[in-house]
Amino acid sequence: MALIWIMCAAGWGVVLAGLRRGLRGPERGPALFAHTAAPAGVVLMSALIGYGSLYATIALAAQWWSLSVVTGFRPARLVAGGGLGRLAAWLLLTAAVTYVTGRLVLGR
């Protein structure tokens, strides 16, 4: 469980660094705010609906690491030219990593 939280925090930091380094202009502020608020939002949503935050943490870690891999550690590339292909790759990789990690961690 601790490893999942560490991987989630590290993935969050990698994406944050990529956003800080790569975004310029008026879109930088909202992107950084949304990224900063994401972990708290996930924990609060899990508490609100009564669903365990472990599942959400696995999915969140998978999303951040998949985003980093697909965009070459430059998250701004997701919306750059050819972003639709990267978006599809990101979603597929996230689903695969979430499934495999969930099976490994939860043993189901």
N, C-alpha and C. Protein backbone atom coordinates (compact mmCIF):
# COMPACT_ATOMS: atom_id res chain seq x y z
N MET A 1 0.82 -1.19 0.00
CA MET A 1 0.00 0.00 0.00
C MET A 1 0.86 1.25 0.00
N ALA A 2 1.91 1.26 0.80
CA ALA A 2 2.79 2.42 0.86
C ALA A 2 3.47 2.65 -0.48
N LEU A 3 3.82 1.58 -1.17
CA LEU A 3 4.46 1.71 -2.47
C LEU A 3 3.52 2.39 -3.47
N ILE A 4 2.24 2.08 -3.40
CA ILE A 4 1.26 2.71 -4.30
C ILE A 4 1.21 4.21 -4.03
N TRP A 5 1.18 4.61 -2.75
CA TRP A 5 1.15 6.03 -2.42
C TRP A 5 2.44 6.73 -2.87
N ILE A 6 3.57 6.05 -2.71
CA ILE A 6 4.86 6.64 -3.14
C ILE A 6 4.88 6.80 -4.65
N MET A 7 4.43 5.79 -5.38
CA MET A 7 4.39 5.89 -6.84
C MET A 7 3.42 6.98 -7.30
N CYS A 8 2.31 7.11 -6.60
CA CYS A 8 1.33 8.15 -6.93
C CYS A 8 1.94 9.53 -6.69
N ALA A 9 2.57 9.72 -5.56
CA ALA A 9 3.18 11.02 -5.25
C ALA A 9 4.32 11.34 -6.22
N ALA A 10 5.12 10.35 -6.55
CA ALA A 10 6.22 10.57 -7.50
C ALA A 10 5.67 10.91 -8.89
N GLY A 11 4.64 10.22 -9.32
CA GLY A 11 4.02 10.52 -10.62
C GLY A 11 3.43 11.91 -10.64
N TRP A 12 2.80 12.30 -9.53
CA TRP A 12 2.25 13.64 -9.42
C TRP A 12 3.36 14.68 -9.56
N GLY A 13 4.47 14.43 -8.89
CA GLY A 13 5.60 15.36 -8.97
C GLY A 13 6.20 15.44 -10.36
N VAL A 14 6.30 14.31 -11.04
CA VAL A 14 6.85 14.30 -12.41
C VAL A 14 5.96 15.12 -13.34
N VAL A 15 4.65 14.93 -13.24
CA VAL A 15 3.73 15.70 -14.10
C VAL A 15 3.77 17.17 -13.72
N LEU A 16 3.84 17.49 -12.44
CA LEU A 16 3.93 18.88 -12.01
C LEU A 16 5.18 19.55 -12.57
N ALA A 17 6.30 18.85 -12.50
CA ALA A 17 7.53 19.41 -13.07
C ALA A 17 7.40 19.63 -14.57
N GLY A 18 6.78 18.69 -15.26
CA GLY A 18 6.57 18.84 -16.69
C GLY A 18 5.66 20.01 -17.02
N LEU A 19 4.62 20.20 -16.23
CA LEU A 19 3.71 21.32 -16.44
C LEU A 19 4.40 22.65 -16.17
N ARG A 20 5.16 22.71 -15.11
CA ARG A 20 5.87 23.96 -14.76
C ARG A 20 6.90 24.32 -15.81
N ARG A 21 7.56 23.30 -16.34
CA ARG A 21 8.61 23.53 -17.32
C ARG A 21 8.03 23.83 -18.71
N GLY A 22 6.94 23.17 -19.07
CA GLY A 22 6.48 23.22 -20.45
C GLY A 22 5.38 24.21 -20.77
N LEU A 23 4.59 24.61 -19.80
CA LEU A 23 3.47 25.50 -20.10
C LEU A 23 3.85 26.95 -19.91
N ARG A 24 3.42 27.76 -20.85
CA ARG A 24 3.61 29.21 -20.78
C ARG A 24 2.30 29.87 -21.16
N GLY A 25 2.11 31.07 -20.73
CA GLY A 25 0.93 31.81 -21.14
C GLY A 25 -0.24 31.65 -20.18
N PRO A 26 -1.42 32.04 -20.64
CA PRO A 26 -2.59 32.05 -19.76
C PRO A 26 -3.08 30.67 -19.32
N GLU A 27 -2.71 29.62 -20.03
CA GLU A 27 -3.17 28.28 -19.65
C GLU A 27 -2.35 27.68 -18.50
N ARG A 28 -1.23 28.28 -18.16
CA ARG A 28 -0.36 27.72 -17.12
C ARG A 28 -1.02 27.73 -15.75
N GLY A 29 -1.60 28.84 -15.35
CA GLY A 29 -2.22 28.94 -14.02
C GLY A 29 -3.33 27.94 -13.79
N PRO A 30 -4.33 27.88 -14.67
CA PRO A 30 -5.41 26.89 -14.46
C PRO A 30 -4.91 25.45 -14.50
N ALA A 31 -3.94 25.15 -15.35
CA ALA A 31 -3.42 23.77 -15.42
C ALA A 31 -2.72 23.39 -14.12
N LEU A 32 -1.90 24.29 -13.59
CA LEU A 32 -1.20 24.01 -12.34
C LEU A 32 -2.19 23.91 -11.17
N PHE A 33 -3.20 24.77 -11.16
CA PHE A 33 -4.20 24.70 -10.09
C PHE A 33 -4.96 23.37 -10.15
N ALA A 34 -5.40 22.98 -11.33
CA ALA A 34 -6.15 21.73 -11.47
C ALA A 34 -5.29 20.54 -11.07
N HIS A 35 -4.03 20.55 -11.46
CA HIS A 35 -3.15 19.44 -11.10
C HIS A 35 -2.91 19.40 -9.59
N THR A 36 -2.75 20.56 -8.98
CA THR A 36 -2.51 20.62 -7.54
C THR A 36 -3.74 20.17 -6.76
N ALA A 37 -4.92 20.47 -7.25
CA ALA A 37 -6.15 20.10 -6.55
C ALA A 37 -6.58 18.65 -6.78
N ALA A 38 -6.01 17.99 -7.76
CA ALA A 38 -6.45 16.63 -8.13
C ALA A 38 -6.35 15.62 -6.99
N PRO A 39 -5.23 15.52 -6.26
CA PRO A 39 -5.18 14.50 -5.19
C PRO A 39 -6.23 14.71 -4.11
N ALA A 40 -6.42 15.94 -3.69
CA ALA A 40 -7.44 16.21 -2.67
C ALA A 40 -8.83 15.89 -3.20
N GLY A 41 -9.07 16.21 -4.45
CA GLY A 41 -10.36 15.92 -5.05
C GLY A 41 -10.64 14.43 -5.11
N VAL A 42 -9.62 13.65 -5.41
CA VAL A 42 -9.80 12.19 -5.48
C VAL A 42 -10.09 11.61 -4.11
N VAL A 43 -9.37 12.06 -3.10
CA VAL A 43 -9.60 11.56 -1.74
C VAL A 43 -10.99 11.97 -1.26
N LEU A 44 -11.36 13.21 -1.49
CA LEU A 44 -12.68 13.67 -1.06
C LEU A 44 -13.80 12.95 -1.80
N MET A 45 -13.63 12.72 -3.10
CA MET A 45 -14.65 12.01 -3.86
C MET A 45 -14.79 10.57 -3.38
N SER A 46 -13.67 9.93 -3.08
CA SER A 46 -13.73 8.56 -2.56
C SER A 46 -14.47 8.52 -1.23
N ALA A 47 -14.23 9.50 -0.38
CA ALA A 47 -14.91 9.56 0.91
C ALA A 47 -16.40 9.86 0.73
N LEU A 48 -16.72 10.71 -0.23
CA LEU A 48 -18.11 11.09 -0.46
C LEU A 48 -18.95 9.92 -0.96
N ILE A 49 -18.40 9.15 -1.89
CA ILE A 49 -19.19 8.05 -2.44
C ILE A 49 -19.01 6.75 -1.66
N GLY A 50 -18.09 6.75 -0.70
CA GLY A 50 -17.91 5.57 0.13
C GLY A 50 -17.13 4.45 -0.53
N TYR A 51 -16.36 4.79 -1.53
CA TYR A 51 -15.56 3.80 -2.24
C TYR A 51 -14.11 3.98 -1.81
N GLY A 52 -13.39 2.90 -1.63
CA GLY A 52 -12.03 2.97 -1.11
C GLY A 52 -11.09 3.81 -1.94
N SER A 53 -10.25 4.55 -1.26
CA SER A 53 -9.32 5.41 -1.98
C SER A 53 -8.15 4.62 -2.57
N LEU A 54 -7.96 3.37 -2.17
CA LEU A 54 -6.88 2.56 -2.75
C LEU A 54 -7.10 2.37 -4.25
N TYR A 55 -8.33 2.09 -4.64
CA TYR A 55 -8.64 1.93 -6.06
C TYR A 55 -8.36 3.22 -6.83
N ALA A 56 -8.79 4.32 -6.25
CA ALA A 56 -8.57 5.62 -6.90
C ALA A 56 -7.09 5.97 -6.95
N THR A 57 -6.35 5.63 -5.91
CA THR A 57 -4.92 5.91 -5.89
C THR A 57 -4.19 5.10 -6.95
N ILE A 58 -4.57 3.86 -7.13
CA ILE A 58 -3.98 3.03 -8.18
C ILE A 58 -4.25 3.65 -9.55
N ALA A 59 -5.49 4.05 -9.78
CA ALA A 59 -5.84 4.66 -11.06
C ALA A 59 -5.13 5.98 -11.27
N LEU A 60 -5.01 6.78 -10.23
CA LEU A 60 -4.34 8.07 -10.33
C LEU A 60 -2.85 7.91 -10.63
N ALA A 61 -2.21 6.98 -9.94
CA ALA A 61 -0.78 6.73 -10.21
C ALA A 61 -0.60 6.24 -11.64
N ALA A 62 -1.47 5.37 -12.09
CA ALA A 62 -1.39 4.87 -13.47
C ALA A 62 -1.58 6.00 -14.47
N GLN A 63 -2.51 6.91 -14.19
CA GLN A 63 -2.74 8.03 -15.09
C GLN A 63 -1.52 8.92 -15.20
N TRP A 64 -0.92 9.27 -14.07
CA TRP A 64 0.21 10.20 -14.11
C TRP A 64 1.43 9.59 -14.77
N TRP A 65 1.72 8.34 -14.46
CA TRP A 65 2.88 7.72 -15.08
C TRP A 65 2.63 7.45 -16.56
N SER A 66 1.43 7.07 -16.91
CA SER A 66 1.11 6.86 -18.33
C SER A 66 1.19 8.16 -19.11
N LEU A 67 0.70 9.24 -18.52
CA LEU A 67 0.79 10.55 -19.16
C LEU A 67 2.24 10.94 -19.38
N SER A 68 3.07 10.69 -18.40
CA SER A 68 4.50 11.03 -18.53
C SER A 68 5.16 10.21 -19.63
N VAL A 69 4.85 8.93 -19.70
CA VAL A 69 5.45 8.07 -20.71
C VAL A 69 4.98 8.45 -22.11
N VAL A 70 3.67 8.64 -22.27
CA VAL A 70 3.10 8.92 -23.60
C VAL A 70 3.57 10.27 -24.14
N THR A 71 3.73 11.24 -23.26
CA THR A 71 4.11 12.58 -23.72
C THR A 71 5.61 12.84 -23.63
N GLY A 72 6.38 11.83 -23.27
CA GLY A 72 7.82 12.03 -23.14
C GLY A 72 8.18 12.99 -22.02
N PHE A 73 7.45 12.91 -20.92
CA PHE A 73 7.65 13.76 -19.74
C PHE A 73 7.41 15.24 -20.04
N ARG A 74 6.58 15.52 -21.03
CA ARG A 74 6.17 16.88 -21.36
C ARG A 74 4.65 16.88 -21.54
N PRO A 75 3.90 17.02 -20.44
CA PRO A 75 2.44 16.89 -20.50
C PRO A 75 1.76 17.87 -21.47
N ALA A 76 2.41 18.98 -21.77
CA ALA A 76 1.81 19.95 -22.71
C ALA A 76 1.65 19.34 -24.11
N ARG A 77 2.41 18.31 -24.41
CA ARG A 77 2.29 17.64 -25.71
C ARG A 77 0.93 16.98 -25.90
N LEU A 78 0.22 16.71 -24.82
CA LEU A 78 -1.07 16.05 -24.93
C LEU A 78 -2.06 16.87 -25.75
N VAL A 79 -1.95 18.18 -25.66
CA VAL A 79 -2.86 19.05 -26.40
C VAL A 79 -2.20 19.69 -27.61
N ALA A 80 -0.96 19.35 -27.86
CA ALA A 80 -0.25 19.89 -29.03
C ALA A 80 -0.73 19.16 -30.29
N GLY A 81 -0.16 19.50 -31.42
CA GLY A 81 -0.53 18.84 -32.68
C GLY A 81 -0.42 17.34 -32.56
N GLY A 82 -1.41 16.63 -33.06
CA GLY A 82 -1.42 15.17 -32.95
C GLY A 82 -1.85 14.70 -31.58
N GLY A 83 -2.50 15.57 -30.83
CA GLY A 83 -2.88 15.25 -29.46
C GLY A 83 -3.90 14.14 -29.34
N LEU A 84 -4.72 13.93 -30.37
CA LEU A 84 -5.75 12.90 -30.29
C LEU A 84 -5.14 11.50 -30.22
N GLY A 85 -4.08 11.26 -30.98
CA GLY A 85 -3.38 9.98 -30.91
C GLY A 85 -2.73 9.76 -29.57
N ARG A 86 -2.13 10.83 -29.02
CA ARG A 86 -1.52 10.72 -27.69
C ARG A 86 -2.59 10.50 -26.63
N LEU A 87 -3.73 11.16 -26.78
CA LEU A 87 -4.81 10.98 -25.83
C LEU A 87 -5.29 9.53 -25.82
N ALA A 88 -5.47 8.96 -26.99
CA ALA A 88 -5.89 7.55 -27.08
C ALA A 88 -4.83 6.63 -26.47
N ALA A 89 -3.57 6.89 -26.76
CA ALA A 89 -2.49 6.08 -26.19
C ALA A 89 -2.47 6.20 -24.67
N TRP A 90 -2.67 7.41 -24.18
CA TRP A 90 -2.68 7.66 -22.74
C TRP A 90 -3.81 6.88 -22.08
N LEU A 91 -5.00 6.94 -22.67
CA LEU A 91 -6.15 6.24 -22.08
C LEU A 91 -5.96 4.72 -22.10
N LEU A 92 -5.45 4.19 -23.20
CA LEU A 92 -5.22 2.75 -23.28
C LEU A 92 -4.15 2.29 -22.31
N LEU A 93 -3.05 3.03 -22.24
CA LEU A 93 -1.98 2.67 -21.32
C LEU A 93 -2.44 2.78 -19.87
N THR A 94 -3.21 3.82 -19.57
CA THR A 94 -3.74 3.98 -18.21
C THR A 94 -4.63 2.81 -17.83
N ALA A 95 -5.51 2.42 -18.74
CA ALA A 95 -6.41 1.29 -18.45
C ALA A 95 -5.62 0.01 -18.22
N ALA A 96 -4.62 -0.23 -19.05
CA ALA A 96 -3.82 -1.45 -18.91
C ALA A 96 -3.03 -1.46 -17.61
N VAL A 97 -2.39 -0.36 -17.29
CA VAL A 97 -1.59 -0.28 -16.06
C VAL A 97 -2.48 -0.36 -14.83
N THR A 98 -3.64 0.30 -14.87
CA THR A 98 -4.57 0.22 -13.74
C THR A 98 -5.04 -1.21 -13.53
N TYR A 99 -5.38 -1.89 -14.60
CA TYR A 99 -5.85 -3.28 -14.49
C TYR A 99 -4.76 -4.19 -13.91
N VAL A 100 -3.57 -4.11 -14.46
CA VAL A 100 -2.48 -4.98 -14.00
C VAL A 100 -2.10 -4.67 -12.56
N THR A 101 -1.97 -3.39 -12.24
CA THR A 101 -1.60 -3.02 -10.87
C THR A 101 -2.70 -3.41 -9.89
N GLY A 102 -3.94 -3.20 -10.27
CA GLY A 102 -5.05 -3.61 -9.41
C GLY A 102 -5.04 -5.10 -9.14
N ARG A 103 -4.76 -5.88 -10.16
CA ARG A 103 -4.70 -7.34 -9.98
C ARG A 103 -3.54 -7.74 -9.05
N LEU A 104 -2.40 -7.06 -9.22
CA LEU A 104 -1.24 -7.38 -8.39
C LEU A 104 -1.45 -6.97 -6.93
N VAL A 105 -1.96 -5.77 -6.72
CA VAL A 105 -2.11 -5.25 -5.37
C VAL A 105 -3.28 -5.89 -4.64
N LEU A 106 -4.40 -6.02 -5.33
CA LEU A 106 -5.61 -6.51 -4.70
C LEU A 106 -5.76 -8.01 -4.77
N GLY A 107 -4.97 -8.66 -5.63
CA GLY A 107 -5.01 -10.10 -5.74
C GLY A 107 -6.29 -10.66 -6.31
N ARG A 108 -6.93 -9.89 -7.17
CA ARG A 108 -8.19 -10.36 -7.77
C ARG A 108 -8.04 -10.58 -9.23
